[in-house]
Amino acid sequence: MFDHCPLLLNTSGEIFLKRSPKFKFEAWWLMEETYEKAIKESWELGTGTVVKKLERLQTDLMAWASMIKIGREGLKARLIKHLDMLTAKERNDNVMAEIIDTKVHLNMKIDKDEMY
């Protein structure tokens, strides 16, 4: 019995080092409201073969996910800053209600990040 293993040789002398990061579907994408819209827009704008459209979709989804992450971090930072400002204020019913609301909103964002 023979053990055959194919080998690809490049005899042109060119060096091929281009490696794209592996594309991974992230389950947290499904929790984002704009997920379906991002897919539809990318697919409809893509032209060419199905392979070309899938390549474009991959690139677009990676960019979309990056923007979502940046937006999440910015929102958390703004909520923390707002909470700090509120805790520095003199306490009354309105300020306490806003502190509670801000803490709830921040905790929801943190919980969502943990699910990601």
PDB file of N, CA and C in Angstrom:
ATOM      1  N   MET A   1       0.854  -1.177   0.000  1.00  0.00           N
ATOM      2  CA  MET A   1       0.000   0.000   0.000  1.00  0.00           C
ATOM      3  C   MET A   1       0.899   1.240   0.000  1.00  0.00           C
ATOM      4  N   PHE A   2       0.562   2.194  -0.861  1.00  0.00           N
ATOM      5  CA  PHE A   2       1.356   3.411  -1.000  1.00  0.00           C
ATOM      6  C   PHE A   2       0.656   4.577  -0.314  1.00  0.00           C
ATOM      7  N   ASP A   3       1.461   5.430   0.255  1.00  0.00           N
ATOM      8  CA  ASP A   3       0.931   6.640   0.894  1.00  0.00           C
ATOM      9  C   ASP A   3       1.261   7.815  -0.013  1.00  0.00           C
ATOM     10  N   HIS A   4       0.277   8.308  -0.740  1.00  0.00           N
ATOM     11  CA  HIS A   4       0.493   9.415  -1.669  1.00  0.00           C
ATOM     12  C   HIS A   4       0.099  10.726  -1.016  1.00  0.00           C
ATOM     13  N   CYS A   5       0.936  11.718  -1.171  1.00  0.00           N
ATOM     14  CA  CYS A   5       0.656  13.042  -0.626  1.00  0.00           C
ATOM     15  C   CYS A   5       1.018  14.062  -1.698  1.00  0.00           C
ATOM     16  N   PRO A   6       0.049  14.798  -2.235  1.00  0.00           N
ATOM     17  CA  PRO A   6       0.353  15.760  -3.294  1.00  0.00           C
ATOM     18  C   PRO A   6       1.216  16.905  -2.764  1.00  0.00           C
ATOM     19  N   LEU A   7       2.049  17.418  -3.639  1.00  0.00           N
ATOM     20  CA  LEU A   7       2.942  18.509  -3.298  1.00  0.00           C
ATOM     21  C   LEU A   7       2.836  19.567  -4.376  1.00  0.00           C
ATOM     22  N   LEU A   8       2.636  20.814  -3.991  1.00  0.00           N
ATOM     23  CA  LEU A   8       2.537  21.911  -4.939  1.00  0.00           C
ATOM     24  C   LEU A   8       3.853  22.665  -4.938  1.00  0.00           C
ATOM     25  N   LEU A   9       4.481  22.724  -6.096  1.00  0.00           N
ATOM     26  CA  LEU A   9       5.754  23.428  -6.239  1.00  0.00           C
ATOM     27  C   LEU A   9       5.560  24.668  -7.082  1.00  0.00           C
ATOM     28  N   ASN A  10       6.187  25.752  -6.659  1.00  0.00           N
ATOM     29  CA  ASN A  10       6.168  26.994  -7.421  1.00  0.00           C
ATOM     30  C   ASN A  10       7.530  27.137  -8.077  1.00  0.00           C
ATOM     31  N   THR A  11       7.563  26.980  -9.383  1.00  0.00           N
ATOM     32  CA  THR A  11       8.840  27.043 -10.094  1.00  0.00           C
ATOM     33  C   THR A  11       9.076  28.388 -10.763  1.00  0.00           C
ATOM     34  N   SER A  12       8.173  29.331 -10.563  1.00  0.00           N
ATOM     35  CA  SER A  12       8.319  30.629 -11.210  1.00  0.00           C
ATOM     36  C   SER A  12       9.256  31.560 -10.454  1.00  0.00           C
ATOM     37  N   GLY A  13       9.621  31.206  -9.253  1.00  0.00           N
ATOM     38  CA  GLY A  13      10.514  32.051  -8.478  1.00  0.00           C
ATOM     39  C   GLY A  13       9.800  33.127  -7.678  1.00  0.00           C
ATOM     40  N   GLU A  14       8.506  33.282  -7.871  1.00  0.00           N
ATOM     41  CA  GLU A  14       7.749  34.275  -7.115  1.00  0.00           C
ATOM     42  C   GLU A  14       7.459  33.742  -5.719  1.00  0.00           C
ATOM     43  N   ILE A  15       7.456  34.649  -4.780  1.00  0.00           N
ATOM     44  CA  ILE A  15       7.170  34.261  -3.405  1.00  0.00           C
ATOM     45  C   ILE A  15       5.740  34.675  -3.084  1.00  0.00           C
ATOM     46  N   PHE A  16       4.966  33.714  -2.658  1.00  0.00           N
ATOM     47  CA  PHE A  16       3.579  33.976  -2.309  1.00  0.00           C
ATOM     48  C   PHE A  16       3.433  33.930  -0.798  1.00  0.00           C
ATOM     49  N   LEU A  17       3.389  35.087  -0.192  1.00  0.00           N
ATOM     50  CA  LEU A  17       3.238  35.171   1.252  1.00  0.00           C
ATOM     51  C   LEU A  17       1.902  35.764   1.658  1.00  0.00           C
ATOM     52  N   LYS A  18       1.082  36.067   0.676  1.00  0.00           N
ATOM     53  CA  LYS A  18      -0.199  36.701   0.975  1.00  0.00           C
ATOM     54  C   LYS A  18      -1.112  35.698   1.683  1.00  0.00           C
ATOM     55  N   ARG A  19      -1.420  36.020   2.901  1.00  0.00           N
ATOM     56  CA  ARG A  19      -2.350  35.201   3.665  1.00  0.00           C
ATOM     57  C   ARG A  19      -3.410  36.106   4.248  1.00  0.00           C
ATOM     58  N   SER A  20      -4.617  35.797   3.952  1.00  0.00           N
ATOM     59  CA  SER A  20      -5.697  36.587   4.541  1.00  0.00           C
ATOM     60  C   SER A  20      -6.120  35.905   5.837  1.00  0.00           C
ATOM     61  N   PRO A  21      -6.569  36.691   6.797  1.00  0.00           N
ATOM     62  CA  PRO A  21      -7.013  36.077   8.046  1.00  0.00           C
ATOM     63  C   PRO A  21      -8.203  35.167   7.775  1.00  0.00           C
ATOM     64  N   LYS A  22      -8.274  34.092   8.510  1.00  0.00           N
ATOM     65  CA  LYS A  22      -9.388  33.161   8.310  1.00  0.00           C
ATOM     66  C   LYS A  22     -10.694  33.838   8.685  1.00  0.00           C
ATOM     67  N   PHE A  23     -11.662  33.627   7.851  1.00  0.00           N
ATOM     68  CA  PHE A  23     -12.972  34.195   8.099  1.00  0.00           C
ATOM     69  C   PHE A  23     -13.719  33.273   9.050  1.00  0.00           C
ATOM     70  N   LYS A  24     -14.255  33.849  10.105  1.00  0.00           N
ATOM     71  CA  LYS A  24     -15.031  33.087  11.073  1.00  0.00           C
ATOM     72  C   LYS A  24     -16.360  33.791  11.292  1.00  0.00           C
ATOM     73  N   PHE A  25     -17.416  33.052  11.147  1.00  0.00           N
ATOM     74  CA  PHE A  25     -18.735  33.599  11.463  1.00  0.00           C
ATOM     75  C   PHE A  25     -18.841  33.705  12.971  1.00  0.00           C
ATOM     76  N   GLU A  26     -19.225  34.854  13.455  1.00  0.00           N
ATOM     77  CA  GLU A  26     -19.352  35.088  14.889  1.00  0.00           C
ATOM     78  C   GLU A  26     -20.826  35.063  15.280  1.00  0.00           C
ATOM     79  N   ALA A  27     -21.161  34.259  16.266  1.00  0.00           N
ATOM     80  CA  ALA A  27     -22.557  34.122  16.697  1.00  0.00           C
ATOM     81  C   ALA A  27     -23.135  35.455  17.180  1.00  0.00           C
ATOM     82  N   TRP A  28     -22.294  36.328  17.740  1.00  0.00           N
ATOM     83  CA  TRP A  28     -22.809  37.597  18.256  1.00  0.00           C
ATOM     84  C   TRP A  28     -23.346  38.486  17.148  1.00  0.00           C
ATOM     85  N   TRP A  29     -22.934  38.247  15.913  1.00  0.00           N
ATOM     86  CA  TRP A  29     -23.438  39.049  14.801  1.00  0.00           C
ATOM     87  C   TRP A  29     -24.957  38.965  14.722  1.00  0.00           C
ATOM     88  N   LEU A  30     -25.504  37.796  15.045  1.00  0.00           N
ATOM     89  CA  LEU A  30     -26.952  37.602  14.967  1.00  0.00           C
ATOM     90  C   LEU A  30     -27.721  38.457  15.972  1.00  0.00           C
ATOM     91  N   MET A  31     -27.042  38.916  17.020  1.00  0.00           N
ATOM     92  CA  MET A  31     -27.697  39.740  18.034  1.00  0.00           C
ATOM     93  C   MET A  31     -27.748  41.212  17.633  1.00  0.00           C
ATOM     94  N   GLU A  32     -27.070  41.565  16.574  1.00  0.00           N
ATOM     95  CA  GLU A  32     -27.038  42.957  16.132  1.00  0.00           C
ATOM     96  C   GLU A  32     -28.204  43.233  15.178  1.00  0.00           C
ATOM     97  N   GLU A  33     -28.839  44.364  15.393  1.00  0.00           N
ATOM     98  CA  GLU A  33     -30.008  44.729  14.591  1.00  0.00           C
ATOM     99  C   GLU A  33     -29.661  44.950  13.119  1.00  0.00           C
ATOM    100  N   THR A  34     -28.463  45.404  12.838  1.00  0.00           N
ATOM    101  CA  THR A  34     -28.088  45.755  11.467  1.00  0.00           C
ATOM    102  C   THR A  34     -27.471  44.601  10.685  1.00  0.00           C
ATOM    103  N   TYR A  35     -27.439  43.429  11.271  1.00  0.00           N
ATOM    104  CA  TYR A  35     -26.797  42.268  10.633  1.00  0.00           C
ATOM    105  C   TYR A  35     -27.411  41.929   9.269  1.00  0.00           C
ATOM    106  N   GLU A  36     -28.714  41.731   9.240  1.00  0.00           N
ATOM    107  CA  GLU A  36     -29.371  41.357   7.980  1.00  0.00           C
ATOM    108  C   GLU A  36     -29.207  42.446   6.926  1.00  0.00           C
ATOM    109  N   LYS A  37     -29.314  43.684   7.336  1.00  0.00           N
ATOM    110  CA  LYS A  37     -29.163  44.804   6.407  1.00  0.00           C
ATOM    111  C   LYS A  37     -27.759  44.807   5.807  1.00  0.00           C
ATOM    112  N   ALA A  38     -26.755  44.557   6.633  1.00  0.00           N
ATOM    113  CA  ALA A  38     -25.370  44.539   6.147  1.00  0.00           C
ATOM    114  C   ALA A  38     -25.177  43.436   5.105  1.00  0.00           C
ATOM    115  N   ILE A  39     -25.767  42.280   5.338  1.00  0.00           N
ATOM    116  CA  ILE A  39     -25.637  41.168   4.395  1.00  0.00           C
ATOM    117  C   ILE A  39     -26.357  41.493   3.086  1.00  0.00           C
ATOM    118  N   LYS A  40     -27.588  41.980   3.186  1.00  0.00           N
ATOM    119  CA  LYS A  40     -28.356  42.297   1.983  1.00  0.00           C
ATOM    120  C   LYS A  40     -27.660  43.351   1.130  1.00  0.00           C
ATOM    121  N   GLU A  41     -27.171  44.408   1.780  1.00  0.00           N
ATOM    122  CA  GLU A  41     -26.496  45.469   1.029  1.00  0.00           C
ATOM    123  C   GLU A  41     -25.247  44.951   0.331  1.00  0.00           C
ATOM    124  N   SER A  42     -24.459  44.172   1.034  1.00  0.00           N
ATOM    125  CA  SER A  42     -23.232  43.642   0.452  1.00  0.00           C
ATOM    126  C   SER A  42     -23.539  42.724  -0.724  1.00  0.00           C
ATOM    127  N   TRP A  43     -24.508  41.862  -0.546  1.00  0.00           N
ATOM    128  CA  TRP A  43     -24.832  40.893  -1.600  1.00  0.00           C
ATOM    129  C   TRP A  43     -25.390  41.591  -2.834  1.00  0.00           C
ATOM    130  N   GLU A  44     -26.262  42.580  -2.623  1.00  0.00           N
ATOM    131  CA  GLU A  44     -26.875  43.281  -3.751  1.00  0.00           C
ATOM    132  C   GLU A  44     -25.880  44.170  -4.487  1.00  0.00           C
ATOM    133  N   LEU A  45     -24.887  44.713  -3.770  1.00  0.00           N
ATOM    134  CA  LEU A  45     -23.887  45.563  -4.415  1.00  0.00           C
ATOM    135  C   LEU A  45     -22.814  44.743  -5.126  1.00  0.00           C
ATOM    136  N   GLY A  46     -22.645  43.506  -4.698  1.00  0.00           N
ATOM    137  CA  GLY A  46     -21.625  42.648  -5.299  1.00  0.00           C
ATOM    138  C   GLY A  46     -21.995  42.278  -6.726  1.00  0.00           C
ATOM    139  N   THR A  47     -20.971  42.154  -7.559  1.00  0.00           N
ATOM    140  CA  THR A  47     -21.193  41.734  -8.941  1.00  0.00           C
ATOM    141  C   THR A  47     -20.262  40.573  -9.243  1.00  0.00           C
ATOM    142  N   GLY A  48     -20.551  39.889 -10.322  1.00  0.00           N
ATOM    143  CA  GLY A  48     -19.691  38.790 -10.722  1.00  0.00           C
ATOM    144  C   GLY A  48     -20.230  37.458 -10.258  1.00  0.00           C
ATOM    145  N   THR A  49     -19.328  36.528 -10.131  1.00  0.00           N
ATOM    146  CA  THR A  49     -19.697  35.162  -9.766  1.00  0.00           C
ATOM    147  C   THR A  49     -20.099  35.091  -8.297  1.00  0.00           C
ATOM    148  N   VAL A  50     -20.660  33.959  -7.938  1.00  0.00           N
ATOM    149  CA  VAL A  50     -21.041  33.735  -6.549  1.00  0.00           C
ATOM    150  C   VAL A  50     -19.799  33.802  -5.660  1.00  0.00           C
ATOM    151  N   VAL A  51     -18.688  33.268  -6.140  1.00  0.00           N
ATOM    152  CA  VAL A  51     -17.448  33.299  -5.365  1.00  0.00           C
ATOM    153  C   VAL A  51     -17.021  34.743  -5.103  1.00  0.00           C
ATOM    154  N   LYS A  52     -17.087  35.588  -6.127  1.00  0.00           N
ATOM    155  CA  LYS A  52     -16.715  37.002  -5.970  1.00  0.00           C
ATOM    156  C   LYS A  52     -17.654  37.704  -4.983  1.00  0.00           C
ATOM    157  N   LYS A  53     -18.947  37.389  -5.075  1.00  0.00           N
ATOM    158  CA  LYS A  53     -19.910  37.996  -4.160  1.00  0.00           C
ATOM    159  C   LYS A  53     -19.657  37.544  -2.722  1.00  0.00           C
ATOM    160  N   LEU A  54     -19.286  36.277  -2.552  1.00  0.00           N
ATOM    161  CA  LEU A  54     -18.979  35.776  -1.214  1.00  0.00           C
ATOM    162  C   LEU A  54     -17.707  36.413  -0.657  1.00  0.00           C
ATOM    163  N   GLU A  55     -16.720  36.628  -1.528  1.00  0.00           N
ATOM    164  CA  GLU A  55     -15.491  37.296  -1.094  1.00  0.00           C
ATOM    165  C   GLU A  55     -15.789  38.723  -0.631  1.00  0.00           C
ATOM    166  N   ARG A  56     -16.628  39.400  -1.395  1.00  0.00           N
ATOM    167  CA  ARG A  56     -17.006  40.766  -1.013  1.00  0.00           C
ATOM    168  C   ARG A  56     -17.799  40.759   0.293  1.00  0.00           C
ATOM    169  N   LEU A  57     -18.699  39.799   0.443  1.00  0.00           N
ATOM    170  CA  LEU A  57     -19.490  39.688   1.661  1.00  0.00           C
ATOM    171  C   LEU A  57     -18.582  39.472   2.870  1.00  0.00           C
ATOM    172  N   GLN A  58     -17.577  38.631   2.707  1.00  0.00           N
ATOM    173  CA  GLN A  58     -16.630  38.387   3.791  1.00  0.00           C
ATOM    174  C   GLN A  58     -15.943  39.678   4.208  1.00  0.00           C
ATOM    175  N   THR A  59     -15.446  40.421   3.239  1.00  0.00           N
ATOM    176  CA  THR A  59     -14.763  41.684   3.522  1.00  0.00           C
ATOM    177  C   THR A  59     -15.715  42.677   4.186  1.00  0.00           C
ATOM    178  N   ASP A  60     -16.912  42.780   3.642  1.00  0.00           N
ATOM    179  CA  ASP A  60     -17.894  43.723   4.186  1.00  0.00           C
ATOM    180  C   ASP A  60     -18.312  43.353   5.611  1.00  0.00           C
ATOM    181  N   LEU A  61     -18.493  42.058   5.882  1.00  0.00           N
ATOM    182  CA  LEU A  61     -18.890  41.640   7.222  1.00  0.00           C
ATOM    183  C   LEU A  61     -17.778  41.896   8.238  1.00  0.00           C
ATOM    184  N   MET A  62     -16.540  41.694   7.830  1.00  0.00           N
ATOM    185  CA  MET A  62     -15.423  41.970   8.732  1.00  0.00           C
ATOM    186  C   MET A  62     -15.373  43.463   9.065  1.00  0.00           C
ATOM    187  N   ALA A  63     -15.576  44.318   8.067  1.00  0.00           N
ATOM    188  CA  ALA A  63     -15.577  45.765   8.291  1.00  0.00           C
ATOM    189  C   ALA A  63     -16.766  46.164   9.166  1.00  0.00           C
ATOM    190  N   TRP A  64     -17.928  45.589   8.889  1.00  0.00           N
ATOM    191  CA  TRP A  64     -19.133  45.872   9.667  1.00  0.00           C
ATOM    192  C   TRP A  64     -18.918  45.480  11.134  1.00  0.00           C
ATOM    193  N   ALA A  65     -18.372  44.296  11.369  1.00  0.00           N
ATOM    194  CA  ALA A  65     -18.145  43.820  12.734  1.00  0.00           C
ATOM    195  C   ALA A  65     -17.162  44.722  13.465  1.00  0.00           C
ATOM    196  N   SER A  66     -16.155  45.188  12.771  1.00  0.00           N
ATOM    197  CA  SER A  66     -15.172  46.085  13.369  1.00  0.00           C
ATOM    198  C   SER A  66     -15.839  47.390  13.807  1.00  0.00           C
ATOM    199  N   MET A  67     -16.703  47.933  12.960  1.00  0.00           N
ATOM    200  CA  MET A  67     -17.409  49.172  13.302  1.00  0.00           C
ATOM    201  C   MET A  67     -18.353  48.961  14.493  1.00  0.00           C
ATOM    202  N   ILE A  68     -18.991  47.811  14.545  1.00  0.00           N
ATOM    203  CA  ILE A  68     -19.889  47.505  15.666  1.00  0.00           C
ATOM    204  C   ILE A  68     -19.083  47.476  16.963  1.00  0.00           C
ATOM    205  N   LYS A  69     -17.932  46.825  16.944  1.00  0.00           N
ATOM    206  CA  LYS A  69     -17.096  46.737  18.150  1.00  0.00           C
ATOM    207  C   LYS A  69     -16.633  48.123  18.599  1.00  0.00           C
ATOM    208  N   ILE A  70     -16.211  48.938  17.662  1.00  0.00           N
ATOM    209  CA  ILE A  70     -15.775  50.299  17.994  1.00  0.00           C
ATOM    210  C   ILE A  70     -16.934  51.085  18.605  1.00  0.00           C
ATOM    211  N   GLY A  71     -18.096  50.952  18.014  1.00  0.00           N
ATOM    212  CA  GLY A  71     -19.281  51.644  18.527  1.00  0.00           C
ATOM    213  C   GLY A  71     -19.655  51.192  19.927  1.00  0.00           C
ATOM    214  N   ARG A  72     -19.547  49.890  20.187  1.00  0.00           N
ATOM    215  CA  ARG A  72     -19.860  49.355  21.519  1.00  0.00           C
ATOM    216  C   ARG A  72     -18.921  49.921  22.566  1.00  0.00           C
ATOM    217  N   GLU A  73     -17.640  49.925  22.246  1.00  0.00           N
ATOM    218  CA  GLU A  73     -16.655  50.442  23.206  1.00  0.00           C
ATOM    219  C   GLU A  73     -16.878  51.932  23.465  1.00  0.00           C
ATOM    220  N   GLY A  74     -17.196  52.672  22.418  1.00  0.00           N
ATOM    221  CA  GLY A  74     -17.473  54.103  22.581  1.00  0.00           C
ATOM    222  C   GLY A  74     -18.696  54.349  23.436  1.00  0.00           C
ATOM    223  N   LEU A  75     -19.734  53.559  23.234  1.00  0.00           N
ATOM    224  CA  LEU A  75     -20.957  53.716  24.022  1.00  0.00           C
ATOM    225  C   LEU A  75     -20.695  53.407  25.485  1.00  0.00           C
ATOM    226  N   LYS A  76     -19.956  52.335  25.750  1.00  0.00           N
ATOM    227  CA  LYS A  76     -19.642  52.012  27.145  1.00  0.00           C
ATOM    228  C   LYS A  76     -18.842  53.135  27.798  1.00  0.00           C
ATOM    229  N   ALA A  77     -17.892  53.684  27.079  1.00  0.00           N
ATOM    230  CA  ALA A  77     -17.078  54.779  27.626  1.00  0.00           C
ATOM    231  C   ALA A  77     -17.950  55.997  27.928  1.00  0.00           C
ATOM    232  N   ARG A  78     -18.894  56.301  27.024  1.00  0.00           N
ATOM    233  CA  ARG A  78     -19.786  57.443  27.265  1.00  0.00           C
ATOM    234  C   ARG A  78     -20.698  57.197  28.462  1.00  0.00           C
ATOM    235  N   LEU A  79     -21.193  55.967  28.601  1.00  0.00           N
ATOM    236  CA  LEU A  79     -22.052  55.645  29.742  1.00  0.00           C
ATOM    237  C   LEU A  79     -21.286  55.755  31.059  1.00  0.00           C
ATOM    238  N   ILE A  80     -20.050  55.282  31.069  1.00  0.00           N
ATOM    239  CA  ILE A  80     -19.229  55.372  32.282  1.00  0.00           C
ATOM    240  C   ILE A  80     -18.954  56.826  32.630  1.00  0.00           C
ATOM    241  N   LYS A  81     -18.636  57.627  31.622  1.00  0.00           N
ATOM    242  CA  LYS A  81     -18.373  59.054  31.850  1.00  0.00           C
ATOM    243  C   LYS A  81     -19.631  59.753  32.385  1.00  0.00           C
ATOM    244  N   HIS A  82     -20.781  59.422  31.799  1.00  0.00           N
ATOM    245  CA  HIS A  82     -22.045  60.014  32.237  1.00  0.00           C
ATOM    246  C   HIS A  82     -22.354  59.597  33.672  1.00  0.00           C
ATOM    247  N   LEU A  83     -22.104  58.342  34.003  1.00  0.00           N
ATOM    248  CA  LEU A  83     -22.338  57.848  35.359  1.00  0.00           C
ATOM    249  C   LEU A  83     -21.430  58.558  36.358  1.00  0.00           C
ATOM    250  N   ASP A  84     -20.174  58.765  35.994  1.00  0.00           N
ATOM    251  CA  ASP A  84     -19.252  59.515  36.862  1.00  0.00           C
ATOM    252  C   ASP A  84     -19.753  60.932  37.106  1.00  0.00           C
ATOM    253  N   MET A  85     -20.252  61.559  36.047  1.00  0.00           N
ATOM    254  CA  MET A  85     -20.764  62.923  36.166  1.00  0.00           C
ATOM    255  C   MET A  85     -21.987  62.950  37.093  1.00  0.00           C
ATOM    256  N   LEU A  86     -22.856  61.956  36.943  1.00  0.00           N
ATOM    257  CA  LEU A  86     -24.066  61.907  37.767  1.00  0.00           C
ATOM    258  C   LEU A  86     -23.743  61.670  39.238  1.00  0.00           C
ATOM    259  N   THR A  87     -22.779  60.806  39.499  1.00  0.00           N
ATOM    260  CA  THR A  87     -22.444  60.523  40.898  1.00  0.00           C
ATOM    261  C   THR A  87     -21.774  61.706  41.574  1.00  0.00           C
ATOM    262  N   ALA A  88     -21.197  62.615  40.797  1.00  0.00           N
ATOM    263  CA  ALA A  88     -20.576  63.816  41.359  1.00  0.00           C
ATOM    264  C   ALA A  88     -21.617  64.890  41.689  1.00  0.00           C
ATOM    265  N   LYS A  89     -22.811  64.760  41.110  1.00  0.00           N
ATOM    266  CA  LYS A  89     -23.869  65.751  41.349  1.00  0.00           C
ATOM    267  C   LYS A  89     -24.500  65.552  42.724  1.00  0.00           C
ATOM    268  N   GLU A  90     -25.196  66.604  43.142  1.00  0.00           N
ATOM    269  CA  GLU A  90     -25.973  66.495  44.381  1.00  0.00           C
ATOM    270  C   GLU A  90     -27.151  65.554  44.124  1.00  0.00           C
ATOM    271  N   ARG A  91     -27.399  64.696  45.078  1.00  0.00           N
ATOM    272  CA  ARG A  91     -28.430  63.661  44.898  1.00  0.00           C
ATOM    273  C   ARG A  91     -29.829  64.200  45.151  1.00  0.00           C
ATOM    274  N   ASN A  92     -30.710  63.943  44.179  1.00  0.00           N
ATOM    275  CA  ASN A  92     -32.139  64.187  44.342  1.00  0.00           C
ATOM    276  C   ASN A  92     -32.845  63.064  43.580  1.00  0.00           C
ATOM    277  N   ASP A  93     -34.162  63.078  43.572  1.00  0.00           N
ATOM    278  CA  ASP A  93     -34.908  61.984  42.945  1.00  0.00           C
ATOM    279  C   ASP A  93     -34.581  61.835  41.457  1.00  0.00           C
ATOM    280  N   ASN A  94     -34.487  62.956  40.744  1.00  0.00           N
ATOM    281  CA  ASN A  94     -34.208  62.905  39.305  1.00  0.00           C
ATOM    282  C   ASN A  94     -32.817  62.353  39.019  1.00  0.00           C
ATOM    283  N   VAL A  95     -31.826  62.811  39.797  1.00  0.00           N
ATOM    284  CA  VAL A  95     -30.451  62.346  39.602  1.00  0.00           C
ATOM    285  C   VAL A  95     -30.357  60.849  39.929  1.00  0.00           C
ATOM    286  N   MET A  96     -31.002  60.428  41.012  1.00  0.00           N
ATOM    287  CA  MET A  96     -30.981  59.012  41.386  1.00  0.00           C
ATOM    288  C   MET A  96     -31.639  58.143  40.303  1.00  0.00           C
ATOM    289  N   ALA A  97     -32.737  58.625  39.750  1.00  0.00           N
ATOM    290  CA  ALA A  97     -33.413  57.887  38.687  1.00  0.00           C
ATOM    291  C   ALA A  97     -32.504  57.770  37.461  1.00  0.00           C
ATOM    292  N   GLU A  98     -31.804  58.841  37.143  1.00  0.00           N
ATOM    293  CA  GLU A  98     -30.902  58.819  35.991  1.00  0.00           C
ATOM    294  C   GLU A  98     -29.688  57.924  36.250  1.00  0.00           C
ATOM    295  N   ILE A  99     -29.199  57.909  37.482  1.00  0.00           N
ATOM    296  CA  ILE A  99     -28.089  57.016  37.844  1.00  0.00           C
ATOM    297  C   ILE A  99     -28.513  55.561  37.661  1.00  0.00           C
ATOM    298  N   ILE A 100     -29.681  55.236  38.158  1.00  0.00           N
ATOM    299  CA  ILE A 100     -30.195  53.862  38.036  1.00  0.00           C
ATOM    300  C   ILE A 100     -30.370  53.488  36.567  1.00  0.00           C
ATOM    301  N   ASP A 101     -30.959  54.391  35.799  1.00  0.00           N
ATOM    302  CA  ASP A 101     -31.174  54.133  34.376  1.00  0.00           C
ATOM    303  C   ASP A 101     -29.844  53.923  33.648  1.00  0.00           C
ATOM    304  N   THR A 102     -28.857  54.749  33.955  1.00  0.00           N
ATOM    305  CA  THR A 102     -27.556  54.648  33.308  1.00  0.00           C
ATOM    306  C   THR A 102     -26.854  53.349  33.704  1.00  0.00           C
ATOM    307  N   LYS A 103     -26.962  52.974  34.985  1.00  0.00           N
ATOM    308  CA  LYS A 103     -26.357  51.720  35.447  1.00  0.00           C
ATOM    309  C   LYS A 103     -27.005  50.515  34.762  1.00  0.00           C
ATOM    310  N   VAL A 104     -28.310  50.552  34.619  1.00  0.00           N
ATOM    311  CA  VAL A 104     -29.015  49.457  33.949  1.00  0.00           C
ATOM    312  C   VAL A 104     -28.544  49.351  32.492  1.00  0.00           C
ATOM    313  N   HIS A 105     -28.488  50.484  31.823  1.00  0.00           N
ATOM    314  CA  HIS A 105     -28.056  50.507  30.421  1.00  0.00           C
ATOM    315  C   HIS A 105     -26.618  49.989  30.301  1.00  0.00           C
ATOM    316  N   LEU A 106     -25.741  50.434  31.185  1.00  0.00           N
ATOM    317  CA  LEU A 106     -24.349  49.997  31.164  1.00  0.00           C
ATOM    318  C   LEU A 106     -24.237  48.502  31.450  1.00  0.00           C
ATOM    319  N   ASN A 107     -24.986  48.019  32.436  1.00  0.00           N
ATOM    320  CA  ASN A 107     -24.964  46.582  32.747  1.00  0.00           C
ATOM    321  C   ASN A 107     -25.471  45.741  31.583  1.00  0.00           C
ATOM    322  N   MET A 108     -26.473  46.248  30.877  1.00  0.00           N
ATOM    323  CA  MET A 108     -26.973  45.526  29.700  1.00  0.00           C
ATOM    324  C   MET A 108     -25.888  45.432  28.632  1.00  0.00           C
ATOM    325  N   LYS A 109     -25.145  46.506  28.427  1.00  0.00           N
ATOM    326  CA  LYS A 109     -24.058  46.496  27.444  1.00  0.00           C
ATOM    327  C   LYS A 109     -22.949  45.536  27.872  1.00  0.00           C
ATOM    328  N   ILE A 110     -22.629  45.538  29.153  1.00  0.00           N
ATOM    329  CA  ILE A 110     -21.593  44.633  29.662  1.00  0.00           C
ATOM    330  C   ILE A 110     -22.046  43.180  29.515  1.00  0.00           C
ATOM    331  N   ASP A 111     -23.313  42.899  29.859  1.00  0.00           N
ATOM    332  CA  ASP A 111     -23.846  41.546  29.700  1.00  0.00           C
ATOM    333  C   ASP A 111     -23.810  41.102  28.244  1.00  0.00           C
ATOM    334  N   LYS A 112     -24.145  42.010  27.342  1.00  0.00           N
ATOM    335  CA  LYS A 112     -24.128  41.694  25.926  1.00  0.00           C
ATOM    336  C   LYS A 112     -22.704  41.391  25.466  1.00  0.00           C
ATOM    337  N   ASP A 113     -21.730  42.161  25.954  1.00  0.00           N
ATOM    338  CA  ASP A 113     -20.336  41.896  25.629  1.00  0.00           C
ATOM    339  C   ASP A 113     -19.894  40.527  26.128  1.00  0.00           C
ATOM    340  N   GLU A 114     -20.349  40.145  27.311  1.00  0.00           N
ATOM    341  CA  GLU A 114     -20.003  38.825  27.852  1.00  0.00           C
ATOM    342  C   GLU A 114     -20.587  37.720  27.002  1.00  0.00           C
ATOM    343  N   MET A 115     -21.783  37.934  26.458  1.00  0.00           N
ATOM    344  CA  MET A 115     -22.376  36.929  25.576  1.00  0.00           C
ATOM    345  C   MET A 115     -21.568  36.806  24.286  1.00  0.00           C
ATOM    346  N   TYR A 116     -20.985  37.915  23.833  1.00  0.00           N
ATOM    347  CA  TYR A 116     -20.169  37.902  22.619  1.00  0.00           C
ATOM    348  C   TYR A 116     -18.963  37.012  22.844  1.00  0.00           C
TER     349      TYR A 116
END
